[in-house]
């Protein structure tokens, strides 16, 4: 693979282990970006917050900050609201990803909703992280401090990773421990490089 700049997406369902894989790659010395981190930066931008508040009622706290848990509650319980949020955020996020990755010989970006958003076209390759549903539910429950039912709702609001054909992508099965995941990630990096 010879090009001036290669961009790879790291994706998978919520609770699959994307962030862990991204961290492993980062520790290997590669440029790694996170759409979630870029999103957090956008949420501090007054103009962007104003756009969101026009589309979603009651998400701005008394102190002027964005109530992220309120916004999450709205979009994870209403598919049309989630669609509206994605239509506002995804173009701004991908623009920032492209800015940050330009000039990098090779870069990796953690992209949670890659397939749902049709963002595949912006990347030269895609690494998909797959994980058993029960492990994903447990991971989301612990990370977001929510009960099992709410974790399942969040998982179901995304692409059904169990029934998707990933044959043309690099796939990592996160089905064991950290050392196993690290070895699998390094194996994929060798194939890419």
N, C-alpha and C. Protein backbone atom coordinates (compact mmCIF):
# COMPACT_ATOMS: atom_id res chain seq x y z
N UNK A 1 0.84 -1.19 0.00
CA UNK A 1 0.00 0.00 0.00
C UNK A 1 0.87 1.24 0.00
N UNK A 2 1.08 1.83 -1.15
CA UNK A 2 1.90 3.04 -1.24
C UNK A 2 1.04 4.23 -1.60
N UNK A 3 0.97 5.17 -0.71
CA UNK A 3 0.28 6.43 -0.93
C UNK A 3 0.98 7.46 -0.08
N UNK A 4 0.66 8.72 -0.29
CA UNK A 4 1.26 9.76 0.54
C UNK A 4 0.78 9.68 1.98
N UNK A 5 -0.51 9.42 2.14
CA UNK A 5 -1.10 9.41 3.47
C UNK A 5 -2.16 8.32 3.53
N UNK A 6 -2.00 7.41 4.47
CA UNK A 6 -2.98 6.34 4.64
C UNK A 6 -3.79 6.59 5.91
N UNK A 7 -5.10 6.49 5.77
CA UNK A 7 -6.00 6.71 6.90
C UNK A 7 -6.80 5.44 7.16
N UNK A 8 -6.74 4.96 8.40
CA UNK A 8 -7.47 3.77 8.80
C UNK A 8 -8.48 4.12 9.88
N UNK A 9 -9.66 3.53 9.77
CA UNK A 9 -10.69 3.71 10.80
C UNK A 9 -10.65 2.49 11.71
N UNK A 10 -10.88 2.72 12.99
CA UNK A 10 -11.06 1.66 13.97
C UNK A 10 -12.51 1.77 14.41
N UNK A 11 -13.29 0.70 14.20
CA UNK A 11 -14.71 0.78 14.52
C UNK A 11 -15.20 -0.51 15.14
N UNK A 12 -16.42 -0.50 15.58
CA UNK A 12 -17.05 -1.64 16.23
C UNK A 12 -18.19 -1.12 17.07
N UNK A 13 -19.02 -1.99 17.53
CA UNK A 13 -20.15 -1.57 18.34
C UNK A 13 -19.71 -1.01 19.69
N UNK A 14 -20.62 -0.32 20.33
CA UNK A 14 -20.36 0.22 21.66
C UNK A 14 -19.98 -0.94 22.60
N UNK A 15 -18.91 -0.75 23.36
CA UNK A 15 -18.45 -1.79 24.29
C UNK A 15 -17.63 -2.89 23.65
N UNK A 16 -17.20 -2.71 22.40
CA UNK A 16 -16.45 -3.77 21.72
C UNK A 16 -14.96 -3.76 22.04
N UNK A 17 -14.44 -2.60 22.45
CA UNK A 17 -13.01 -2.50 22.75
C UNK A 17 -12.25 -1.61 21.78
N UNK A 18 -12.95 -0.74 21.06
CA UNK A 18 -12.31 0.17 20.09
C UNK A 18 -11.23 1.03 20.75
N UNK A 19 -11.58 1.61 21.90
CA UNK A 19 -10.64 2.52 22.58
C UNK A 19 -9.39 1.79 23.02
N UNK A 20 -9.54 0.55 23.45
CA UNK A 20 -8.38 -0.24 23.87
C UNK A 20 -7.47 -0.52 22.68
N UNK A 21 -8.06 -0.90 21.55
CA UNK A 21 -7.27 -1.15 20.33
C UNK A 21 -6.58 0.15 19.89
N UNK A 22 -7.31 1.27 19.93
CA UNK A 22 -6.73 2.56 19.56
C UNK A 22 -5.54 2.89 20.45
N UNK A 23 -5.67 2.62 21.75
CA UNK A 23 -4.59 2.89 22.70
C UNK A 23 -3.37 2.01 22.42
N UNK A 24 -3.60 0.75 22.08
CA UNK A 24 -2.49 -0.17 21.74
C UNK A 24 -1.73 0.37 20.53
N UNK A 25 -2.47 0.82 19.52
CA UNK A 25 -1.85 1.35 18.29
C UNK A 25 -1.09 2.64 18.60
N UNK A 26 -1.68 3.49 19.45
CA UNK A 26 -1.04 4.75 19.83
C UNK A 26 0.29 4.48 20.54
N UNK A 27 0.30 3.48 21.42
CA UNK A 27 1.53 3.14 22.15
C UNK A 27 2.63 2.62 21.23
N UNK A 28 2.23 2.18 20.04
CA UNK A 28 3.21 1.73 19.04
C UNK A 28 3.81 2.91 18.28
N UNK A 29 3.33 4.12 18.59
CA UNK A 29 3.91 5.32 18.00
C UNK A 29 3.17 5.89 16.80
N UNK A 30 1.98 5.37 16.52
CA UNK A 30 1.21 5.87 15.38
C UNK A 30 0.29 7.02 15.81
N UNK A 31 -0.03 7.87 14.84
CA UNK A 31 -0.99 8.96 15.08
C UNK A 31 -2.38 8.34 15.20
N UNK A 32 -3.02 8.58 16.33
CA UNK A 32 -4.36 8.02 16.57
C UNK A 32 -5.28 9.15 17.02
N UNK A 33 -6.43 9.24 16.36
CA UNK A 33 -7.41 10.26 16.69
C UNK A 33 -8.70 9.58 17.14
N UNK A 34 -9.53 10.31 17.85
CA UNK A 34 -10.78 9.77 18.36
C UNK A 34 -11.92 10.70 17.98
N UNK A 35 -12.92 10.17 17.29
CA UNK A 35 -14.10 10.97 16.96
C UNK A 35 -14.81 11.42 18.23
N UNK A 36 -14.79 10.60 19.27
CA UNK A 36 -15.43 10.99 20.54
C UNK A 36 -14.72 12.20 21.16
N UNK A 37 -13.38 12.20 21.09
CA UNK A 37 -12.61 13.33 21.64
C UNK A 37 -12.87 14.60 20.82
N UNK A 38 -12.92 14.45 19.51
CA UNK A 38 -13.21 15.59 18.64
C UNK A 38 -14.62 16.12 18.94
N UNK A 39 -15.55 15.20 19.15
CA UNK A 39 -16.93 15.58 19.50
C UNK A 39 -16.94 16.38 20.80
N UNK A 40 -16.18 15.92 21.80
CA UNK A 40 -16.11 16.64 23.08
C UNK A 40 -15.58 18.06 22.88
N UNK A 41 -14.58 18.20 22.00
CA UNK A 41 -14.04 19.53 21.69
C UNK A 41 -15.12 20.40 21.04
N UNK A 42 -15.88 19.81 20.13
CA UNK A 42 -16.97 20.55 19.46
C UNK A 42 -18.01 21.04 20.47
N UNK A 43 -18.27 20.22 21.49
CA UNK A 43 -19.30 20.57 22.48
C UNK A 43 -18.90 21.77 23.33
N UNK A 44 -17.62 22.14 23.28
CA UNK A 44 -17.16 23.33 24.01
C UNK A 44 -17.29 24.58 23.15
N UNK A 45 -17.52 24.38 21.85
CA UNK A 45 -17.65 25.48 20.92
C UNK A 45 -19.05 26.11 21.04
N UNK A 46 -19.11 27.38 21.33
CA UNK A 46 -20.39 28.06 21.59
C UNK A 46 -21.33 27.98 20.38
N UNK A 47 -20.79 28.17 19.19
CA UNK A 47 -21.62 28.12 17.97
C UNK A 47 -22.23 26.74 17.77
N UNK A 48 -21.43 25.71 18.02
CA UNK A 48 -21.91 24.34 17.85
C UNK A 48 -22.98 24.01 18.90
N UNK A 49 -22.73 24.43 20.15
CA UNK A 49 -23.71 24.21 21.22
C UNK A 49 -25.04 24.89 20.90
N UNK A 50 -24.97 26.08 20.33
CA UNK A 50 -26.18 26.80 19.96
C UNK A 50 -26.98 26.03 18.91
N UNK A 51 -26.26 25.46 17.94
CA UNK A 51 -26.92 24.63 16.91
C UNK A 51 -27.65 23.45 17.55
N UNK A 52 -26.98 22.80 18.49
CA UNK A 52 -27.58 21.65 19.17
C UNK A 52 -28.82 22.06 19.96
N UNK A 53 -28.72 23.17 20.68
CA UNK A 53 -29.84 23.58 21.53
C UNK A 53 -31.06 23.99 20.71
N UNK A 54 -30.85 24.42 19.46
CA UNK A 54 -31.98 24.72 18.58
C UNK A 54 -32.72 23.44 18.17
N UNK A 55 -31.99 22.32 18.17
CA UNK A 55 -32.56 21.05 17.73
C UNK A 55 -33.04 20.14 18.85
N UNK A 56 -32.55 20.39 20.08
CA UNK A 56 -32.89 19.52 21.21
C UNK A 56 -33.22 20.38 22.43
N UNK A 57 -34.43 20.26 22.93
CA UNK A 57 -34.88 21.07 24.07
C UNK A 57 -34.25 20.61 25.38
N UNK A 58 -33.94 21.58 26.22
CA UNK A 58 -33.52 21.32 27.59
C UNK A 58 -32.15 20.70 27.77
N UNK A 59 -31.26 20.88 26.79
CA UNK A 59 -29.93 20.25 26.92
C UNK A 59 -28.85 21.21 27.42
N UNK A 60 -29.21 22.48 27.59
CA UNK A 60 -28.25 23.45 28.12
C UNK A 60 -28.56 23.67 29.60
N UNK A 61 -27.54 23.44 30.44
CA UNK A 61 -27.70 23.60 31.89
C UNK A 61 -27.76 25.08 32.26
N UNK A 62 -28.13 25.35 33.50
CA UNK A 62 -28.24 26.73 33.99
C UNK A 62 -26.91 27.49 33.86
N UNK A 63 -25.79 26.76 33.98
CA UNK A 63 -24.48 27.43 33.88
C UNK A 63 -24.01 27.59 32.43
N UNK A 64 -24.86 27.21 31.48
CA UNK A 64 -24.52 27.39 30.07
C UNK A 64 -23.80 26.21 29.44
N UNK A 65 -23.49 25.21 30.26
CA UNK A 65 -22.80 24.03 29.71
C UNK A 65 -23.83 23.06 29.12
N UNK A 66 -23.35 22.19 28.29
CA UNK A 66 -24.22 21.20 27.65
C UNK A 66 -24.45 20.05 28.62
N UNK A 67 -25.68 19.66 28.81
CA UNK A 67 -26.02 18.52 29.66
C UNK A 67 -25.96 17.27 28.79
N UNK A 68 -24.78 16.63 28.75
CA UNK A 68 -24.56 15.49 27.86
C UNK A 68 -25.44 14.30 28.22
N UNK A 69 -25.71 14.11 29.50
CA UNK A 69 -26.55 12.97 29.88
C UNK A 69 -27.98 13.18 29.40
N UNK A 70 -28.45 14.43 29.43
CA UNK A 70 -29.79 14.75 28.93
C UNK A 70 -29.86 14.52 27.41
N UNK A 71 -28.83 14.95 26.70
CA UNK A 71 -28.77 14.76 25.25
C UNK A 71 -28.73 13.26 24.93
N UNK A 72 -27.92 12.49 25.67
CA UNK A 72 -27.84 11.04 25.47
C UNK A 72 -29.20 10.39 25.69
N UNK A 73 -29.88 10.82 26.75
CA UNK A 73 -31.20 10.28 27.08
C UNK A 73 -32.17 10.50 25.91
N UNK A 74 -32.12 11.69 25.34
CA UNK A 74 -33.01 12.02 24.21
C UNK A 74 -32.71 11.14 23.00
N UNK A 75 -31.44 11.09 22.61
CA UNK A 75 -31.11 10.42 21.34
C UNK A 75 -31.11 8.90 21.42
N UNK A 76 -30.84 8.35 22.60
CA UNK A 76 -30.84 6.88 22.70
C UNK A 76 -32.25 6.32 22.87
N UNK A 77 -33.23 7.19 23.05
CA UNK A 77 -34.61 6.73 23.17
C UNK A 77 -35.48 7.13 21.97
N UNK A 78 -34.87 7.78 20.99
CA UNK A 78 -35.62 8.27 19.83
C UNK A 78 -34.73 8.23 18.60
N UNK A 79 -35.02 7.30 17.69
CA UNK A 79 -34.17 7.12 16.52
C UNK A 79 -34.11 8.36 15.63
N UNK A 80 -35.21 9.09 15.51
CA UNK A 80 -35.20 10.29 14.66
C UNK A 80 -34.33 11.38 15.30
N UNK A 81 -34.31 11.45 16.63
CA UNK A 81 -33.45 12.42 17.33
C UNK A 81 -31.99 12.06 17.13
N UNK A 82 -31.69 10.77 17.18
CA UNK A 82 -30.32 10.30 16.96
C UNK A 82 -29.87 10.65 15.55
N UNK A 83 -30.77 10.47 14.60
CA UNK A 83 -30.47 10.80 13.20
C UNK A 83 -30.17 12.29 13.05
N UNK A 84 -30.95 13.13 13.72
CA UNK A 84 -30.74 14.59 13.69
C UNK A 84 -29.40 14.96 14.29
N UNK A 85 -29.08 14.34 15.43
CA UNK A 85 -27.80 14.63 16.08
C UNK A 85 -26.64 14.23 15.17
N UNK A 86 -26.73 13.04 14.58
CA UNK A 86 -25.66 12.57 13.70
C UNK A 86 -25.50 13.47 12.48
N UNK A 87 -26.61 13.97 11.93
CA UNK A 87 -26.56 14.86 10.76
C UNK A 87 -25.85 16.17 11.10
N UNK A 88 -25.96 16.60 12.34
CA UNK A 88 -25.29 17.83 12.79
C UNK A 88 -23.81 17.60 13.11
N UNK A 89 -23.54 16.46 13.75
CA UNK A 89 -22.19 16.25 14.28
C UNK A 89 -21.21 15.59 13.30
N UNK A 90 -21.67 14.61 12.54
CA UNK A 90 -20.74 13.83 11.71
C UNK A 90 -19.95 14.65 10.69
N UNK A 91 -20.60 15.56 9.95
CA UNK A 91 -19.80 16.35 8.99
C UNK A 91 -18.71 17.19 9.68
N UNK A 92 -19.05 17.77 10.84
CA UNK A 92 -18.08 18.59 11.58
C UNK A 92 -16.94 17.73 12.10
N UNK A 93 -17.26 16.54 12.58
CA UNK A 93 -16.23 15.64 13.12
C UNK A 93 -15.30 15.15 12.02
N UNK A 94 -15.86 14.69 10.90
CA UNK A 94 -15.01 14.14 9.83
C UNK A 94 -14.12 15.23 9.24
N UNK A 95 -14.61 16.44 9.17
CA UNK A 95 -13.79 17.57 8.68
C UNK A 95 -12.57 17.75 9.58
N UNK A 96 -12.79 17.66 10.89
CA UNK A 96 -11.69 17.80 11.85
C UNK A 96 -10.72 16.62 11.77
N UNK A 97 -11.25 15.41 11.59
CA UNK A 97 -10.40 14.21 11.43
C UNK A 97 -9.48 14.37 10.23
N UNK A 98 -10.04 14.83 9.11
CA UNK A 98 -9.25 14.99 7.89
C UNK A 98 -8.18 16.05 8.08
N UNK A 99 -8.50 17.11 8.80
CA UNK A 99 -7.51 18.16 9.10
C UNK A 99 -6.37 17.59 9.93
N UNK A 100 -6.73 16.89 11.01
CA UNK A 100 -5.73 16.37 11.94
C UNK A 100 -4.84 15.30 11.29
N UNK A 101 -5.41 14.49 10.40
CA UNK A 101 -4.64 13.38 9.83
C UNK A 101 -3.85 13.78 8.59
N UNK A 102 -4.14 14.95 8.02
CA UNK A 102 -3.37 15.36 6.84
C UNK A 102 -1.92 15.61 7.26
N UNK A 103 -1.01 15.17 6.43
CA UNK A 103 0.40 15.32 6.76
C UNK A 103 0.97 14.12 7.52
N UNK A 104 0.11 13.25 8.00
CA UNK A 104 0.57 12.03 8.67
C UNK A 104 0.79 10.96 7.59
N UNK A 105 1.88 10.25 7.68
CA UNK A 105 2.13 9.18 6.70
C UNK A 105 1.06 8.09 6.84
N UNK A 106 0.75 7.75 8.09
CA UNK A 106 -0.30 6.78 8.38
C UNK A 106 -0.99 7.21 9.67
N UNK A 107 -2.30 7.15 9.67
CA UNK A 107 -3.03 7.53 10.87
C UNK A 107 -4.22 6.60 11.08
N UNK A 108 -4.65 6.55 12.31
CA UNK A 108 -5.78 5.71 12.71
C UNK A 108 -6.78 6.59 13.45
N UNK A 109 -8.06 6.39 13.17
CA UNK A 109 -9.09 7.17 13.84
C UNK A 109 -10.16 6.23 14.38
N UNK A 110 -10.46 6.37 15.65
CA UNK A 110 -11.53 5.60 16.29
C UNK A 110 -12.86 6.25 15.88
N UNK A 111 -13.67 5.48 15.13
CA UNK A 111 -14.92 6.01 14.57
C UNK A 111 -16.08 5.12 15.02
N UNK A 112 -16.81 5.53 16.07
CA UNK A 112 -17.89 4.68 16.59
C UNK A 112 -19.00 4.33 15.60
N UNK A 113 -19.48 5.27 14.82
CA UNK A 113 -20.63 5.01 13.95
C UNK A 113 -20.23 5.06 12.47
N UNK A 114 -19.17 4.41 12.15
CA UNK A 114 -18.61 4.47 10.79
C UNK A 114 -19.60 4.01 9.73
N UNK A 115 -20.14 2.80 9.87
CA UNK A 115 -21.03 2.24 8.85
C UNK A 115 -22.39 2.93 8.85
N UNK A 116 -22.90 3.24 10.05
CA UNK A 116 -24.19 3.91 10.15
C UNK A 116 -24.17 5.28 9.48
N UNK A 117 -23.00 5.92 9.49
CA UNK A 117 -22.87 7.27 8.96
C UNK A 117 -22.35 7.33 7.53
N UNK A 118 -22.01 6.17 6.97
CA UNK A 118 -21.48 6.15 5.61
C UNK A 118 -20.13 6.83 5.49
N UNK A 119 -19.30 6.73 6.53
CA UNK A 119 -18.01 7.41 6.54
C UNK A 119 -16.86 6.54 6.00
N UNK A 120 -17.17 5.33 5.56
CA UNK A 120 -16.12 4.42 5.07
C UNK A 120 -15.28 5.06 3.97
N UNK A 121 -15.92 5.87 3.13
CA UNK A 121 -15.25 6.44 1.95
C UNK A 121 -14.07 7.35 2.31
N UNK A 122 -14.00 7.80 3.55
CA UNK A 122 -12.92 8.70 3.96
C UNK A 122 -11.65 7.95 4.39
N UNK A 123 -11.71 6.62 4.40
CA UNK A 123 -10.59 5.83 4.91
C UNK A 123 -10.08 4.82 3.89
N UNK A 124 -8.77 4.56 3.96
CA UNK A 124 -8.14 3.60 3.04
C UNK A 124 -8.33 2.17 3.52
N UNK A 125 -8.58 2.00 4.80
CA UNK A 125 -8.79 0.68 5.37
C UNK A 125 -9.58 0.79 6.66
N UNK A 126 -10.20 -0.32 7.05
CA UNK A 126 -11.05 -0.32 8.25
C UNK A 126 -10.73 -1.52 9.12
N UNK A 127 -10.54 -1.27 10.40
CA UNK A 127 -10.33 -2.33 11.39
C UNK A 127 -11.63 -2.42 12.20
N UNK A 128 -12.25 -3.59 12.19
CA UNK A 128 -13.51 -3.80 12.91
C UNK A 128 -13.25 -4.64 14.15
N UNK A 129 -13.69 -4.15 15.29
CA UNK A 129 -13.55 -4.89 16.55
C UNK A 129 -14.89 -5.55 16.85
N UNK A 130 -14.87 -6.88 17.00
CA UNK A 130 -16.08 -7.63 17.32
C UNK A 130 -15.94 -8.24 18.71
N UNK A 131 -17.05 -8.30 19.44
CA UNK A 131 -17.03 -8.84 20.80
C UNK A 131 -18.39 -9.46 21.12
N UNK A 132 -18.37 -10.46 21.94
CA UNK A 132 -19.58 -11.14 22.39
C UNK A 132 -20.55 -10.13 23.02
N UNK A 133 -21.83 -10.28 22.71
CA UNK A 133 -22.86 -9.33 23.17
C UNK A 133 -22.88 -9.17 24.68
N UNK A 134 -22.81 -10.26 25.43
CA UNK A 134 -22.86 -10.16 26.90
C UNK A 134 -21.68 -9.34 27.44
N UNK A 135 -20.51 -9.53 26.83
CA UNK A 135 -19.33 -8.76 27.26
C UNK A 135 -19.50 -7.28 26.91
N UNK A 136 -20.12 -7.01 25.78
CA UNK A 136 -20.37 -5.62 25.40
C UNK A 136 -21.34 -4.97 26.38
N UNK A 137 -22.42 -5.68 26.73
CA UNK A 137 -23.42 -5.15 27.66
C UNK A 137 -22.75 -4.84 29.01
N UNK A 138 -21.94 -5.77 29.49
CA UNK A 138 -21.25 -5.58 30.77
C UNK A 138 -20.31 -4.37 30.71
N UNK A 139 -19.55 -4.25 29.61
CA UNK A 139 -18.60 -3.15 29.46
C UNK A 139 -19.31 -1.80 29.43
N UNK A 140 -20.42 -1.71 28.70
CA UNK A 140 -21.17 -0.46 28.60
C UNK A 140 -21.80 -0.11 29.95
N UNK A 141 -22.34 -1.11 30.64
CA UNK A 141 -22.96 -0.87 31.95
C UNK A 141 -21.96 -0.29 32.94
N UNK A 142 -20.77 -0.88 32.97
CA UNK A 142 -19.73 -0.41 33.91
C UNK A 142 -19.23 0.98 33.50
N UNK A 143 -18.88 1.13 32.21
CA UNK A 143 -18.30 2.38 31.74
C UNK A 143 -19.26 3.56 31.92
N UNK A 144 -20.53 3.37 31.54
CA UNK A 144 -21.49 4.47 31.56
C UNK A 144 -22.32 4.52 32.84
N UNK A 145 -22.04 3.58 33.77
CA UNK A 145 -22.77 3.52 35.06
C UNK A 145 -24.28 3.46 34.83
N UNK A 146 -24.70 2.54 33.96
CA UNK A 146 -26.12 2.37 33.65
C UNK A 146 -26.50 0.90 33.84
N UNK A 147 -27.80 0.65 33.94
CA UNK A 147 -28.24 -0.73 34.13
C UNK A 147 -28.20 -1.49 32.80
N UNK A 148 -28.37 -2.79 32.90
CA UNK A 148 -28.28 -3.69 31.75
C UNK A 148 -29.26 -3.30 30.64
N UNK A 149 -30.50 -2.94 31.02
CA UNK A 149 -31.53 -2.61 30.03
C UNK A 149 -31.15 -1.37 29.22
N UNK A 150 -30.62 -0.36 29.91
CA UNK A 150 -30.20 0.86 29.19
C UNK A 150 -29.00 0.58 28.31
N UNK A 151 -28.11 -0.29 28.76
CA UNK A 151 -26.95 -0.66 27.95
C UNK A 151 -27.41 -1.36 26.67
N UNK A 152 -28.38 -2.25 26.81
CA UNK A 152 -28.92 -2.97 25.64
C UNK A 152 -29.57 -1.98 24.67
N UNK A 153 -30.29 -1.01 25.18
CA UNK A 153 -30.92 0.03 24.33
C UNK A 153 -29.87 0.76 23.51
N UNK A 154 -28.77 1.13 24.16
CA UNK A 154 -27.69 1.84 23.45
C UNK A 154 -27.08 0.96 22.37
N UNK A 155 -26.86 -0.30 22.70
CA UNK A 155 -26.27 -1.23 21.73
C UNK A 155 -27.21 -1.40 20.54
N UNK A 156 -28.50 -1.52 20.83
CA UNK A 156 -29.48 -1.74 19.76
C UNK A 156 -29.72 -0.51 18.90
N UNK A 157 -29.29 0.66 19.38
CA UNK A 157 -29.45 1.88 18.58
C UNK A 157 -28.40 1.95 17.47
N UNK A 158 -27.43 1.02 17.52
CA UNK A 158 -26.36 0.99 16.53
C UNK A 158 -26.55 -0.16 15.55
N UNK A 159 -25.63 -0.22 14.60
CA UNK A 159 -25.59 -1.30 13.62
C UNK A 159 -25.55 -2.65 14.33
N UNK A 160 -26.24 -3.64 13.76
CA UNK A 160 -26.20 -4.99 14.32
C UNK A 160 -24.91 -5.68 13.84
N UNK A 161 -23.88 -5.62 14.66
CA UNK A 161 -22.57 -6.15 14.27
C UNK A 161 -22.55 -7.67 14.15
N UNK A 162 -23.54 -8.33 14.77
CA UNK A 162 -23.58 -9.80 14.69
C UNK A 162 -23.96 -10.29 13.30
N UNK A 163 -24.73 -9.50 12.57
CA UNK A 163 -25.25 -9.94 11.27
C UNK A 163 -24.74 -9.10 10.11
N UNK A 164 -23.48 -8.72 10.16
CA UNK A 164 -22.91 -7.86 9.12
C UNK A 164 -21.72 -8.58 8.51
N UNK A 165 -21.52 -8.43 7.24
CA UNK A 165 -20.41 -9.11 6.56
C UNK A 165 -19.17 -8.19 6.57
N UNK A 166 -18.16 -8.58 7.30
CA UNK A 166 -16.94 -7.78 7.41
C UNK A 166 -15.77 -8.39 6.64
N UNK A 167 -16.06 -9.24 5.66
CA UNK A 167 -15.03 -9.97 4.92
C UNK A 167 -13.97 -9.07 4.29
N UNK A 168 -14.35 -7.87 3.86
CA UNK A 168 -13.38 -7.02 3.17
C UNK A 168 -12.60 -6.09 4.12
N UNK A 169 -12.77 -6.28 5.41
CA UNK A 169 -12.09 -5.43 6.39
C UNK A 169 -11.13 -6.25 7.25
N UNK A 170 -10.28 -5.55 7.98
CA UNK A 170 -9.45 -6.20 8.99
C UNK A 170 -10.34 -6.41 10.22
N UNK A 171 -10.41 -7.63 10.72
CA UNK A 171 -11.31 -7.92 11.85
C UNK A 171 -10.51 -8.43 13.05
N UNK A 172 -10.81 -7.88 14.21
CA UNK A 172 -10.22 -8.34 15.47
C UNK A 172 -11.35 -8.83 16.36
N UNK A 173 -11.27 -10.09 16.79
CA UNK A 173 -12.26 -10.64 17.73
C UNK A 173 -11.73 -10.43 19.15
N UNK A 174 -12.39 -9.56 19.88
CA UNK A 174 -12.02 -9.25 21.26
C UNK A 174 -12.75 -10.24 22.17
N UNK A 175 -12.23 -11.47 22.23
CA UNK A 175 -12.95 -12.52 22.94
C UNK A 175 -12.14 -13.17 24.06
N UNK A 176 -11.04 -12.52 24.46
CA UNK A 176 -10.23 -13.11 25.52
C UNK A 176 -9.78 -12.00 26.48
N UNK A 177 -8.47 -11.91 26.70
CA UNK A 177 -7.96 -10.92 27.64
C UNK A 177 -7.16 -9.83 26.90
N UNK A 178 -6.60 -8.90 27.67
CA UNK A 178 -5.88 -7.77 27.08
C UNK A 178 -4.68 -8.23 26.26
N UNK A 179 -3.92 -9.18 26.79
CA UNK A 179 -2.72 -9.65 26.07
C UNK A 179 -3.09 -10.24 24.71
N UNK A 180 -4.18 -10.98 24.66
CA UNK A 180 -4.66 -11.57 23.41
C UNK A 180 -5.07 -10.46 22.44
N UNK A 181 -5.78 -9.46 22.94
CA UNK A 181 -6.22 -8.33 22.11
C UNK A 181 -5.01 -7.56 21.58
N UNK A 182 -4.02 -7.38 22.42
CA UNK A 182 -2.79 -6.68 22.02
C UNK A 182 -2.08 -7.45 20.90
N UNK A 183 -1.97 -8.76 21.05
CA UNK A 183 -1.31 -9.58 20.03
C UNK A 183 -2.07 -9.53 18.70
N UNK A 184 -3.38 -9.59 18.77
CA UNK A 184 -4.21 -9.52 17.55
C UNK A 184 -4.07 -8.16 16.87
N UNK A 185 -4.02 -7.11 17.67
CA UNK A 185 -3.87 -5.75 17.12
C UNK A 185 -2.52 -5.60 16.45
N UNK A 186 -1.47 -6.09 17.10
CA UNK A 186 -0.13 -6.02 16.51
C UNK A 186 -0.05 -6.82 15.21
N UNK A 187 -0.74 -7.94 15.17
CA UNK A 187 -0.79 -8.77 13.97
C UNK A 187 -1.42 -7.99 12.82
N UNK A 188 -2.52 -7.30 13.09
CA UNK A 188 -3.19 -6.49 12.06
C UNK A 188 -2.27 -5.35 11.61
N UNK A 189 -1.56 -4.72 12.55
CA UNK A 189 -0.63 -3.64 12.20
C UNK A 189 0.45 -4.13 11.25
N UNK A 190 0.96 -5.33 11.49
CA UNK A 190 1.97 -5.92 10.60
C UNK A 190 1.42 -6.09 9.20
N UNK A 191 0.17 -6.56 9.09
CA UNK A 191 -0.46 -6.72 7.77
C UNK A 191 -0.63 -5.38 7.07
N UNK A 192 -1.00 -4.37 7.82
CA UNK A 192 -1.23 -3.04 7.24
C UNK A 192 0.08 -2.41 6.78
N UNK A 193 1.09 -2.48 7.62
CA UNK A 193 2.35 -1.83 7.34
C UNK A 193 3.16 -2.67 6.38
